[in-house]
Every structure is written in structure tokens, then in C-alpha cells.
Amino acid sequence: EDFEEGHWVPVESRNDNEEAYISNSDIIKRVNAINSHHTLVIVDSCFSGSLAVQNRNASVDERFPSRRILASGRHETVSDGKAGSHSPFADGLITYLRKNTSPQLRTTNLIQYVKDRVAIHSKQSPVEGRIPNSNDKGGEFVFHLRKDENEYWADIQAKDTVQAYQDYLSAFP
């Protein structure tokens, strides 16, 4: 509160040892240090959404870098779920990923599903947003279903273009 900044408190840390806390500014530094085109931070813990900044873009495009966060709640205590099972947040996330059959899964669709499902099955509200002061340029993180080499080769042969064969060689050198 003194610094007007959120902190992540590791489960092993003691409440009286603030040195063990991880500040949001430290999380941002670490996200910025990741050499990736897209970074998606998914956090299932109480008060974890304080890092998210609501910033909608008119169009999202995979070509632009993104730094996004999906958190199980903003400034609230979140459910761990029933003993022996996943939290409502983790359950929604896992369910959507396991049932996905689309060759391209946009993070925006995943986030909306998780937010809707968790709101129905618990008394918490997941939040999403862009990570502030990061290399976010409004891009969209897209999951691509992985194909094995034989499936990929069949697709390449059907396309029968120089670019398709070059893509194949890039994927399977």
C-alpha cells in the first residue's frame, strides 16, 4: 500500500517477510526480458489481476508483439476448488484447451470462455489485459495445433508450392 504497487506473495513466504514478495514492477521487468514475439502470463492466485491493464485494440493481429495476462481475479480472493480437483479457473482453462479442435486458437476466444465459465461456476471474476510498460503492440497470441510430420507433409504436397516446401524444411529440418 505504501508504494501503491501490487505484489505477488509466494506460497512459501511468510507474511512478515516482505523481502520474499515479488513486485509487479519486477514481474514486468522479467516479462520484458523474455525474448519472444508473444508472451502470455496466466496466473491462478488471489489478487493476481492487479497487473492487468484494460486496453482494447480495434484489431488484433498475430504479426504484432503482445504481452498479455489472464488472471483468476483482480483484487479478490479466488477459489482453490474442491479438494482433489482443479480450481474453477484452471478447470475452465484446461477444459477449453483439451476440447479445442480449431487449427488456430486465438487467445481472445480462450480468455472469453474462461471468464464466462468461471463466472457461472464460482463467485469470482477473472480478468485479462495487457501488461503495462511492456513491449505490447496490440498483437494477438494464437495457439496453433501441432501436426505430426506426416500430416504436415501431406498438407505440403497438396499445396505443392515452393513456399510450402520451404515452410516444411523450416519446421522439419
N, C-alpha and C. Protein backbone atom coordinates (compact mmCIF):
# COMPACT_ATOMS: atom_id res chain seq x y z
N GLU A 1 0.82 -1.20 0.00
CA GLU A 1 0.00 0.00 0.00
C GLU A 1 0.87 1.26 0.00
N ASP A 2 1.97 1.23 0.73
CA ASP A 2 2.85 2.40 0.81
C ASP A 2 3.41 2.79 -0.56
N PHE A 3 3.65 1.80 -1.41
CA PHE A 3 4.24 2.05 -2.72
C PHE A 3 3.20 2.09 -3.83
N GLU A 4 1.93 1.87 -3.49
CA GLU A 4 0.84 1.82 -4.46
C GLU A 4 1.17 0.86 -5.60
N GLU A 5 1.63 -0.33 -5.21
CA GLU A 5 2.01 -1.34 -6.19
C GLU A 5 1.60 -2.71 -5.68
N GLY A 6 1.14 -3.55 -6.61
CA GLY A 6 0.78 -4.91 -6.24
C GLY A 6 2.03 -5.77 -6.09
N HIS A 7 1.90 -6.80 -5.29
CA HIS A 7 2.99 -7.75 -5.08
C HIS A 7 2.45 -9.17 -5.15
N TRP A 8 3.27 -10.07 -5.61
CA TRP A 8 2.95 -11.49 -5.62
C TRP A 8 3.62 -12.09 -4.40
N VAL A 9 2.87 -12.86 -3.64
CA VAL A 9 3.39 -13.45 -2.41
C VAL A 9 3.52 -14.96 -2.63
N PRO A 10 4.75 -15.44 -2.79
CA PRO A 10 4.94 -16.88 -3.00
C PRO A 10 4.37 -17.68 -1.83
N VAL A 11 3.88 -18.85 -2.11
CA VAL A 11 3.21 -19.67 -1.11
C VAL A 11 4.14 -20.01 0.06
N GLU A 12 5.45 -20.11 -0.20
CA GLU A 12 6.40 -20.46 0.87
C GLU A 12 6.77 -19.27 1.75
N SER A 13 6.44 -18.06 1.32
CA SER A 13 6.89 -16.89 2.08
C SER A 13 6.02 -16.66 3.31
N ARG A 14 6.60 -15.95 4.27
CA ARG A 14 5.86 -15.60 5.48
C ARG A 14 5.29 -14.20 5.31
N ASN A 15 4.16 -13.94 5.92
CA ASN A 15 3.53 -12.62 5.82
C ASN A 15 4.40 -11.51 6.38
N ASP A 16 5.28 -11.83 7.32
CA ASP A 16 6.10 -10.79 7.94
C ASP A 16 7.44 -10.59 7.21
N ASN A 17 7.62 -11.22 6.05
CA ASN A 17 8.87 -11.12 5.30
C ASN A 17 8.60 -10.56 3.91
N GLU A 18 8.46 -9.24 3.83
CA GLU A 18 8.15 -8.60 2.55
C GLU A 18 9.26 -8.74 1.53
N GLU A 19 10.46 -9.06 1.95
CA GLU A 19 11.57 -9.24 1.02
C GLU A 19 11.32 -10.42 0.09
N ALA A 20 10.49 -11.35 0.49
CA ALA A 20 10.19 -12.52 -0.33
C ALA A 20 9.10 -12.21 -1.36
N TYR A 21 8.41 -11.09 -1.22
CA TYR A 21 7.35 -10.72 -2.15
C TYR A 21 7.96 -10.33 -3.49
N ILE A 22 7.20 -10.52 -4.56
CA ILE A 22 7.66 -10.14 -5.90
C ILE A 22 6.76 -9.00 -6.38
N SER A 23 7.35 -7.86 -6.64
CA SER A 23 6.56 -6.69 -7.03
C SER A 23 6.09 -6.80 -8.48
N ASN A 24 4.99 -6.13 -8.78
CA ASN A 24 4.52 -6.09 -10.17
C ASN A 24 5.58 -5.50 -11.09
N SER A 25 6.33 -4.51 -10.61
CA SER A 25 7.37 -3.92 -11.45
C SER A 25 8.46 -4.94 -11.76
N ASP A 26 8.75 -5.84 -10.82
CA ASP A 26 9.72 -6.90 -11.07
C ASP A 26 9.17 -7.90 -12.09
N ILE A 27 7.90 -8.21 -11.98
CA ILE A 27 7.27 -9.12 -12.96
C ILE A 27 7.37 -8.49 -14.35
N ILE A 28 7.07 -7.20 -14.46
CA ILE A 28 7.14 -6.51 -15.75
C ILE A 28 8.56 -6.56 -16.30
N LYS A 29 9.56 -6.33 -15.46
CA LYS A 29 10.96 -6.41 -15.90
C LYS A 29 11.27 -7.79 -16.46
N ARG A 30 10.79 -8.80 -15.77
CA ARG A 30 11.06 -10.17 -16.22
C ARG A 30 10.32 -10.49 -17.51
N VAL A 31 9.10 -10.04 -17.65
CA VAL A 31 8.36 -10.25 -18.91
C VAL A 31 9.08 -9.54 -20.05
N ASN A 32 9.55 -8.32 -19.81
CA ASN A 32 10.27 -7.58 -20.85
C ASN A 32 11.60 -8.23 -21.22
N ALA A 33 12.17 -9.01 -20.31
CA ALA A 33 13.45 -9.68 -20.58
C ALA A 33 13.27 -10.95 -21.41
N ILE A 34 12.04 -11.42 -21.54
CA ILE A 34 11.78 -12.63 -22.34
C ILE A 34 11.88 -12.27 -23.81
N ASN A 35 12.72 -12.97 -24.54
CA ASN A 35 12.89 -12.71 -25.96
C ASN A 35 11.87 -13.53 -26.74
N SER A 36 10.68 -13.00 -26.84
CA SER A 36 9.60 -13.69 -27.56
C SER A 36 8.76 -12.67 -28.31
N HIS A 37 8.07 -13.15 -29.32
CA HIS A 37 7.17 -12.28 -30.04
C HIS A 37 5.90 -12.06 -29.21
N HIS A 38 5.43 -13.13 -28.60
CA HIS A 38 4.24 -13.07 -27.74
C HIS A 38 4.57 -13.67 -26.39
N THR A 39 4.04 -13.05 -25.35
CA THR A 39 4.15 -13.60 -24.01
C THR A 39 2.77 -13.55 -23.39
N LEU A 40 2.32 -14.69 -22.92
CA LEU A 40 1.02 -14.78 -22.26
C LEU A 40 1.27 -15.27 -20.84
N VAL A 41 0.92 -14.46 -19.85
CA VAL A 41 1.08 -14.81 -18.45
C VAL A 41 -0.28 -15.25 -17.94
N ILE A 42 -0.35 -16.46 -17.41
CA ILE A 42 -1.60 -16.99 -16.86
C ILE A 42 -1.35 -17.25 -15.38
N VAL A 43 -2.16 -16.59 -14.54
CA VAL A 43 -1.95 -16.64 -13.10
C VAL A 43 -3.24 -17.03 -12.39
N ASP A 44 -3.16 -18.07 -11.58
CA ASP A 44 -4.31 -18.52 -10.80
C ASP A 44 -4.01 -18.33 -9.33
N SER A 45 -4.17 -17.09 -8.87
CA SER A 45 -3.93 -16.80 -7.46
C SER A 45 -4.74 -15.57 -7.04
N CYS A 46 -4.94 -15.46 -5.76
CA CYS A 46 -5.70 -14.33 -5.23
C CYS A 46 -5.01 -13.01 -5.57
N PHE A 47 -5.80 -12.01 -5.91
CA PHE A 47 -5.34 -10.64 -6.17
C PHE A 47 -4.36 -10.53 -7.34
N SER A 48 -4.29 -11.54 -8.19
CA SER A 48 -3.26 -11.58 -9.23
C SER A 48 -3.54 -10.65 -10.41
N GLY A 49 -4.75 -10.18 -10.55
CA GLY A 49 -5.09 -9.35 -11.70
C GLY A 49 -4.71 -7.90 -11.57
N SER A 50 -4.05 -7.53 -10.47
CA SER A 50 -3.68 -6.13 -10.30
C SER A 50 -2.66 -5.68 -11.34
N LEU A 51 -2.02 -6.62 -11.99
CA LEU A 51 -1.03 -6.30 -13.02
C LEU A 51 -1.69 -5.96 -14.36
N ALA A 52 -2.89 -6.44 -14.58
CA ALA A 52 -3.56 -6.27 -15.88
C ALA A 52 -4.05 -4.85 -16.08
N VAL A 53 -3.82 -4.33 -17.28
CA VAL A 53 -4.34 -3.04 -17.68
C VAL A 53 -5.33 -3.29 -18.80
N GLN A 54 -6.54 -2.82 -18.61
CA GLN A 54 -7.56 -2.99 -19.66
C GLN A 54 -7.23 -2.07 -20.81
N ASN A 55 -6.95 -2.65 -21.95
CA ASN A 55 -6.58 -1.86 -23.11
C ASN A 55 -7.01 -2.62 -24.36
N ARG A 56 -8.12 -2.28 -24.89
CA ARG A 56 -8.66 -2.97 -26.06
C ARG A 56 -8.14 -2.33 -27.33
N ASN A 57 -7.83 -3.16 -28.30
CA ASN A 57 -7.42 -2.68 -29.61
C ASN A 57 -8.53 -2.96 -30.60
N ALA A 58 -8.68 -2.08 -31.58
CA ALA A 58 -9.73 -2.26 -32.58
C ALA A 58 -9.48 -3.53 -33.39
N SER A 59 -8.24 -3.79 -33.73
CA SER A 59 -7.94 -5.02 -34.46
C SER A 59 -6.72 -5.67 -33.84
N VAL A 60 -6.80 -6.96 -33.67
CA VAL A 60 -5.67 -7.70 -33.13
C VAL A 60 -5.09 -8.56 -34.24
N ASP A 61 -3.78 -8.66 -34.26
CA ASP A 61 -3.10 -9.32 -35.35
C ASP A 61 -1.90 -10.06 -34.78
N GLU A 62 -1.73 -11.29 -35.20
CA GLU A 62 -0.64 -12.13 -34.70
C GLU A 62 0.74 -11.58 -35.06
N ARG A 63 0.82 -10.75 -36.09
CA ARG A 63 2.10 -10.21 -36.53
C ARG A 63 2.71 -9.22 -35.54
N PHE A 64 1.88 -8.58 -34.72
CA PHE A 64 2.36 -7.58 -33.77
C PHE A 64 2.65 -8.24 -32.42
N PRO A 65 3.70 -7.82 -31.72
CA PRO A 65 4.02 -8.41 -30.42
C PRO A 65 2.90 -8.19 -29.40
N SER A 66 2.79 -9.13 -28.50
CA SER A 66 1.80 -8.99 -27.43
C SER A 66 2.41 -9.40 -26.10
N ARG A 67 1.93 -8.77 -25.05
CA ARG A 67 2.28 -9.09 -23.67
C ARG A 67 0.96 -9.03 -22.90
N ARG A 68 0.36 -10.19 -22.73
CA ARG A 68 -0.97 -10.24 -22.11
C ARG A 68 -0.94 -11.04 -20.82
N ILE A 69 -1.96 -10.81 -20.02
CA ILE A 69 -2.12 -11.55 -18.78
C ILE A 69 -3.58 -11.99 -18.65
N LEU A 70 -3.76 -13.20 -18.17
CA LEU A 70 -5.07 -13.72 -17.80
C LEU A 70 -4.93 -14.16 -16.35
N ALA A 71 -5.72 -13.56 -15.47
CA ALA A 71 -5.63 -13.83 -14.04
C ALA A 71 -6.99 -14.26 -13.50
N SER A 72 -6.95 -15.09 -12.48
CA SER A 72 -8.19 -15.65 -11.93
C SER A 72 -9.03 -14.64 -11.17
N GLY A 73 -8.48 -13.50 -10.84
CA GLY A 73 -9.24 -12.44 -10.17
C GLY A 73 -8.40 -11.19 -10.08
N ARG A 74 -9.05 -10.05 -9.90
CA ARG A 74 -8.28 -8.80 -9.81
C ARG A 74 -7.90 -8.56 -8.36
N HIS A 75 -8.76 -7.93 -7.59
CA HIS A 75 -8.48 -7.61 -6.19
C HIS A 75 -9.40 -8.42 -5.30
N GLU A 76 -9.33 -9.73 -5.45
CA GLU A 76 -10.25 -10.59 -4.72
C GLU A 76 -9.60 -11.92 -4.37
N THR A 77 -10.14 -12.57 -3.37
CA THR A 77 -9.74 -13.93 -3.05
C THR A 77 -10.42 -14.84 -4.06
N VAL A 78 -9.68 -15.82 -4.58
CA VAL A 78 -10.24 -16.72 -5.59
C VAL A 78 -10.31 -18.14 -5.03
N SER A 79 -11.17 -18.93 -5.62
CA SER A 79 -11.41 -20.29 -5.15
C SER A 79 -10.30 -21.25 -5.59
N ASP A 80 -9.90 -22.11 -4.66
CA ASP A 80 -8.97 -23.19 -4.99
C ASP A 80 -9.71 -24.40 -5.53
N GLY A 81 -11.04 -24.38 -5.45
CA GLY A 81 -11.84 -25.52 -5.90
C GLY A 81 -11.99 -26.54 -4.79
N LYS A 82 -12.67 -27.63 -5.13
CA LYS A 82 -12.87 -28.70 -4.16
C LYS A 82 -11.57 -29.48 -4.00
N ALA A 83 -11.38 -30.04 -2.81
CA ALA A 83 -10.17 -30.82 -2.54
C ALA A 83 -10.03 -31.92 -3.58
N GLY A 84 -8.83 -32.04 -4.12
CA GLY A 84 -8.56 -33.08 -5.11
C GLY A 84 -8.92 -32.72 -6.53
N SER A 85 -9.42 -31.50 -6.75
CA SER A 85 -9.77 -31.09 -8.12
C SER A 85 -9.14 -29.73 -8.42
N HIS A 86 -9.26 -29.33 -9.66
CA HIS A 86 -8.70 -28.04 -10.08
C HIS A 86 -9.55 -26.88 -9.56
N SER A 87 -8.96 -25.72 -9.53
CA SER A 87 -9.71 -24.51 -9.22
C SER A 87 -10.68 -24.26 -10.38
N PRO A 88 -11.75 -23.48 -10.16
CA PRO A 88 -12.66 -23.17 -11.27
C PRO A 88 -11.93 -22.52 -12.45
N PHE A 89 -10.96 -21.68 -12.16
CA PHE A 89 -10.19 -21.00 -13.21
C PHE A 89 -9.37 -22.02 -14.02
N ALA A 90 -8.61 -22.86 -13.32
CA ALA A 90 -7.78 -23.86 -14.01
C ALA A 90 -8.68 -24.84 -14.78
N ASP A 91 -9.81 -25.20 -14.20
CA ASP A 91 -10.73 -26.14 -14.86
C ASP A 91 -11.24 -25.55 -16.18
N GLY A 92 -11.62 -24.28 -16.17
CA GLY A 92 -12.08 -23.64 -17.41
C GLY A 92 -11.00 -23.59 -18.47
N LEU A 93 -9.80 -23.25 -18.05
CA LEU A 93 -8.67 -23.15 -18.97
C LEU A 93 -8.34 -24.52 -19.57
N ILE A 94 -8.21 -25.53 -18.73
CA ILE A 94 -7.87 -26.88 -19.18
C ILE A 94 -8.97 -27.44 -20.07
N THR A 95 -10.22 -27.24 -19.69
CA THR A 95 -11.34 -27.75 -20.49
C THR A 95 -11.32 -27.19 -21.90
N TYR A 96 -11.14 -25.88 -22.01
CA TYR A 96 -11.15 -25.26 -23.34
C TYR A 96 -9.97 -25.75 -24.19
N LEU A 97 -8.80 -25.83 -23.60
CA LEU A 97 -7.63 -26.28 -24.36
C LEU A 97 -7.76 -27.73 -24.79
N ARG A 98 -8.29 -28.58 -23.94
CA ARG A 98 -8.44 -30.00 -24.29
C ARG A 98 -9.50 -30.23 -25.36
N LYS A 99 -10.55 -29.43 -25.35
CA LYS A 99 -11.64 -29.64 -26.30
C LYS A 99 -11.46 -28.89 -27.61
N ASN A 100 -10.45 -28.04 -27.67
CA ASN A 100 -10.23 -27.27 -28.89
C ASN A 100 -9.84 -28.17 -30.06
N THR A 101 -10.50 -27.98 -31.18
CA THR A 101 -10.14 -28.69 -32.41
C THR A 101 -9.83 -27.72 -33.53
N SER A 102 -9.94 -26.44 -33.25
CA SER A 102 -9.65 -25.43 -34.26
C SER A 102 -8.15 -25.40 -34.52
N PRO A 103 -7.73 -25.32 -35.79
CA PRO A 103 -6.29 -25.27 -36.08
C PRO A 103 -5.61 -24.03 -35.49
N GLN A 104 -6.38 -22.95 -35.32
CA GLN A 104 -5.84 -21.74 -34.73
C GLN A 104 -6.77 -21.28 -33.61
N LEU A 105 -6.21 -21.16 -32.43
CA LEU A 105 -6.99 -20.74 -31.27
C LEU A 105 -6.50 -19.37 -30.81
N ARG A 106 -7.35 -18.37 -30.97
CA ARG A 106 -7.00 -17.02 -30.56
C ARG A 106 -7.12 -16.91 -29.05
N THR A 107 -6.15 -16.25 -28.44
CA THR A 107 -6.17 -16.06 -27.00
C THR A 107 -7.43 -15.34 -26.56
N THR A 108 -7.91 -14.41 -27.36
CA THR A 108 -9.13 -13.68 -27.02
C THR A 108 -10.30 -14.63 -26.82
N ASN A 109 -10.41 -15.66 -27.66
CA ASN A 109 -11.51 -16.64 -27.52
C ASN A 109 -11.33 -17.48 -26.25
N LEU A 110 -10.11 -17.90 -25.99
CA LEU A 110 -9.82 -18.67 -24.78
C LEU A 110 -10.17 -17.85 -23.54
N ILE A 111 -9.75 -16.61 -23.52
CA ILE A 111 -10.00 -15.74 -22.37
C ILE A 111 -11.49 -15.55 -22.14
N GLN A 112 -12.24 -15.32 -23.20
CA GLN A 112 -13.68 -15.11 -23.04
C GLN A 112 -14.36 -16.35 -22.49
N TYR A 113 -13.96 -17.52 -22.99
CA TYR A 113 -14.53 -18.77 -22.49
C TYR A 113 -14.26 -18.93 -20.99
N VAL A 114 -13.00 -18.73 -20.60
CA VAL A 114 -12.63 -18.90 -19.19
C VAL A 114 -13.39 -17.90 -18.32
N LYS A 115 -13.46 -16.66 -18.74
CA LYS A 115 -14.18 -15.65 -17.96
C LYS A 115 -15.65 -16.03 -17.79
N ASP A 116 -16.29 -16.45 -18.87
CA ASP A 116 -17.71 -16.83 -18.80
C ASP A 116 -17.93 -18.06 -17.92
N ARG A 117 -17.10 -19.08 -18.12
CA ARG A 117 -17.27 -20.34 -17.37
C ARG A 117 -17.03 -20.13 -15.88
N VAL A 118 -15.99 -19.41 -15.53
CA VAL A 118 -15.68 -19.19 -14.12
C VAL A 118 -16.77 -18.36 -13.46
N ALA A 119 -17.29 -17.36 -14.16
CA ALA A 119 -18.36 -16.53 -13.60
C ALA A 119 -19.61 -17.37 -13.30
N ILE A 120 -19.87 -18.37 -14.12
CA ILE A 120 -21.03 -19.24 -13.92
C ILE A 120 -20.81 -20.21 -12.76
N HIS A 121 -19.59 -20.75 -12.63
CA HIS A 121 -19.31 -21.81 -11.66
C HIS A 121 -18.68 -21.36 -10.35
N SER A 122 -18.46 -20.07 -10.18
CA SER A 122 -17.88 -19.61 -8.92
C SER A 122 -18.23 -18.14 -8.70
N LYS A 123 -17.81 -17.63 -7.57
CA LYS A 123 -18.07 -16.23 -7.24
C LYS A 123 -16.79 -15.41 -7.40
N GLN A 124 -16.21 -15.51 -8.57
CA GLN A 124 -15.01 -14.74 -8.86
C GLN A 124 -15.06 -14.30 -10.32
N SER A 125 -14.30 -13.29 -10.63
CA SER A 125 -14.32 -12.72 -11.98
C SER A 125 -12.90 -12.64 -12.53
N PRO A 126 -12.52 -13.58 -13.38
CA PRO A 126 -11.20 -13.50 -13.99
C PRO A 126 -11.06 -12.20 -14.78
N VAL A 127 -9.83 -11.73 -14.88
CA VAL A 127 -9.55 -10.51 -15.62
C VAL A 127 -8.45 -10.78 -16.62
N GLU A 128 -8.45 -9.99 -17.65
CA GLU A 128 -7.39 -10.06 -18.64
C GLU A 128 -7.02 -8.67 -19.06
N GLY A 129 -5.85 -8.56 -19.59
CA GLY A 129 -5.42 -7.26 -20.06
C GLY A 129 -4.03 -7.32 -20.63
N ARG A 130 -3.53 -6.16 -20.92
CA ARG A 130 -2.17 -6.01 -21.43
C ARG A 130 -1.26 -5.72 -20.26
N ILE A 131 -0.02 -6.14 -20.35
CA ILE A 131 0.94 -5.87 -19.30
C ILE A 131 1.50 -4.47 -19.53
N PRO A 132 1.34 -3.59 -18.56
CA PRO A 132 1.75 -2.19 -18.74
C PRO A 132 3.27 -2.05 -18.87
N ASN A 133 3.69 -1.00 -19.55
CA ASN A 133 5.12 -0.68 -19.70
C ASN A 133 5.91 -1.84 -20.27
N SER A 134 5.29 -2.57 -21.19
CA SER A 134 5.95 -3.72 -21.80
C SER A 134 6.05 -3.49 -23.32
N ASN A 135 6.53 -4.49 -24.02
CA ASN A 135 6.68 -4.41 -25.47
C ASN A 135 5.39 -4.78 -26.20
N ASP A 136 4.27 -4.63 -25.55
CA ASP A 136 2.99 -4.96 -26.17
C ASP A 136 2.67 -3.96 -27.27
N LYS A 137 2.35 -4.49 -28.45
CA LYS A 137 1.97 -3.65 -29.59
C LYS A 137 0.57 -4.00 -30.08
N GLY A 138 -0.22 -4.61 -29.19
CA GLY A 138 -1.60 -4.93 -29.53
C GLY A 138 -1.78 -6.22 -30.29
N GLY A 139 -0.76 -7.05 -30.33
CA GLY A 139 -0.85 -8.30 -31.07
C GLY A 139 -1.74 -9.33 -30.40
N GLU A 140 -1.96 -10.41 -31.11
CA GLU A 140 -2.80 -11.50 -30.63
C GLU A 140 -1.97 -12.76 -30.55
N PHE A 141 -1.91 -13.36 -29.39
CA PHE A 141 -1.25 -14.65 -29.20
C PHE A 141 -2.21 -15.70 -29.77
N VAL A 142 -1.72 -16.51 -30.71
CA VAL A 142 -2.55 -17.54 -31.33
C VAL A 142 -1.89 -18.90 -31.12
N PHE A 143 -2.65 -19.82 -30.55
CA PHE A 143 -2.17 -21.19 -30.41
C PHE A 143 -2.44 -21.89 -31.74
N HIS A 144 -1.46 -22.65 -32.22
CA HIS A 144 -1.62 -23.43 -33.44
C HIS A 144 -1.54 -24.91 -33.06
N LEU A 145 -2.54 -25.68 -33.53
CA LEU A 145 -2.49 -27.11 -33.25
C LEU A 145 -1.25 -27.68 -33.90
N ARG A 146 -0.55 -28.49 -33.17
CA ARG A 146 0.66 -29.11 -33.68
C ARG A 146 0.29 -30.32 -34.53
N LYS A 147 0.89 -30.42 -35.69
CA LYS A 147 0.69 -31.57 -36.55
C LYS A 147 1.95 -32.41 -36.52
N ASP A 148 1.78 -33.71 -36.68
CA ASP A 148 2.99 -34.51 -36.78
C ASP A 148 3.56 -34.37 -38.19
N GLU A 149 4.74 -34.86 -38.40
CA GLU A 149 5.45 -34.64 -39.66
C GLU A 149 4.69 -35.22 -40.85
N ASN A 150 4.08 -36.37 -40.68
CA ASN A 150 3.34 -37.00 -41.80
C ASN A 150 2.13 -36.16 -42.22
N GLU A 151 1.38 -35.65 -41.25
CA GLU A 151 0.23 -34.78 -41.57
C GLU A 151 0.70 -33.51 -42.26
N TYR A 152 1.76 -32.94 -41.74
CA TYR A 152 2.29 -31.71 -42.30
C TYR A 152 2.78 -31.94 -43.73
N TRP A 153 3.47 -33.06 -43.96
CA TRP A 153 3.99 -33.38 -45.29
C TRP A 153 2.83 -33.55 -46.29
N ALA A 154 1.76 -34.18 -45.86
CA ALA A 154 0.59 -34.35 -46.74
C ALA A 154 0.01 -32.99 -47.12
N ASP A 155 -0.07 -32.08 -46.17
CA ASP A 155 -0.57 -30.73 -46.47
C ASP A 155 0.34 -30.01 -47.46
N ILE A 156 1.65 -30.16 -47.27
CA ILE A 156 2.63 -29.51 -48.15
C ILE A 156 2.50 -30.05 -49.57
N GLN A 157 2.38 -31.35 -49.70
CA GLN A 157 2.25 -31.95 -51.03
C GLN A 157 0.98 -31.49 -51.72
N ALA A 158 -0.09 -31.32 -50.96
CA ALA A 158 -1.35 -30.85 -51.55
C ALA A 158 -1.21 -29.42 -52.04
N LYS A 159 -0.46 -28.59 -51.31
CA LYS A 159 -0.25 -27.19 -51.74
C LYS A 159 0.69 -27.13 -52.93
N ASP A 160 1.76 -27.94 -52.90
CA ASP A 160 2.72 -28.06 -53.99
C ASP A 160 3.25 -26.71 -54.48
N THR A 161 3.72 -25.89 -53.51
CA THR A 161 4.33 -24.61 -53.86
C THR A 161 5.73 -24.55 -53.27
N VAL A 162 6.57 -23.71 -53.84
CA VAL A 162 7.92 -23.54 -53.33
C VAL A 162 7.87 -23.07 -51.87
N GLN A 163 7.00 -22.10 -51.57
CA GLN A 163 6.88 -21.59 -50.20
C GLN A 163 6.46 -22.69 -49.23
N ALA A 164 5.55 -23.56 -49.65
CA ALA A 164 5.09 -24.64 -48.78
C ALA A 164 6.25 -25.58 -48.46
N TYR A 165 7.06 -25.93 -49.46
CA TYR A 165 8.21 -26.80 -49.22
C TYR A 165 9.25 -26.12 -48.33
N GLN A 166 9.45 -24.82 -48.50
CA GLN A 166 10.37 -24.08 -47.64
C GLN A 166 9.85 -24.06 -46.19
N ASP A 167 8.54 -23.89 -46.04
CA ASP A 167 7.94 -23.93 -44.70
C ASP A 167 8.16 -25.30 -44.04
N TYR A 168 8.01 -26.35 -44.85
CA TYR A 168 8.23 -27.70 -44.35
C TYR A 168 9.66 -27.88 -43.86
N LEU A 169 10.61 -27.44 -44.66
CA LEU A 169 12.01 -27.57 -44.29
C LEU A 169 12.36 -26.75 -43.04
N SER A 170 11.67 -25.63 -42.86
CA SER A 170 11.87 -24.84 -41.65
C SER A 170 11.34 -25.57 -40.42
N ALA A 171 10.18 -26.21 -40.59
CA ALA A 171 9.55 -26.90 -39.47
C ALA A 171 10.24 -28.23 -39.15
N PHE A 172 10.72 -28.92 -40.20
CA PHE A 172 11.34 -30.24 -40.03
C PHE A 172 12.68 -30.28 -40.78
N PRO A 173 13.71 -29.65 -40.25
CA PRO A 173 14.99 -29.58 -40.96
C PRO A 173 15.62 -30.97 -41.09
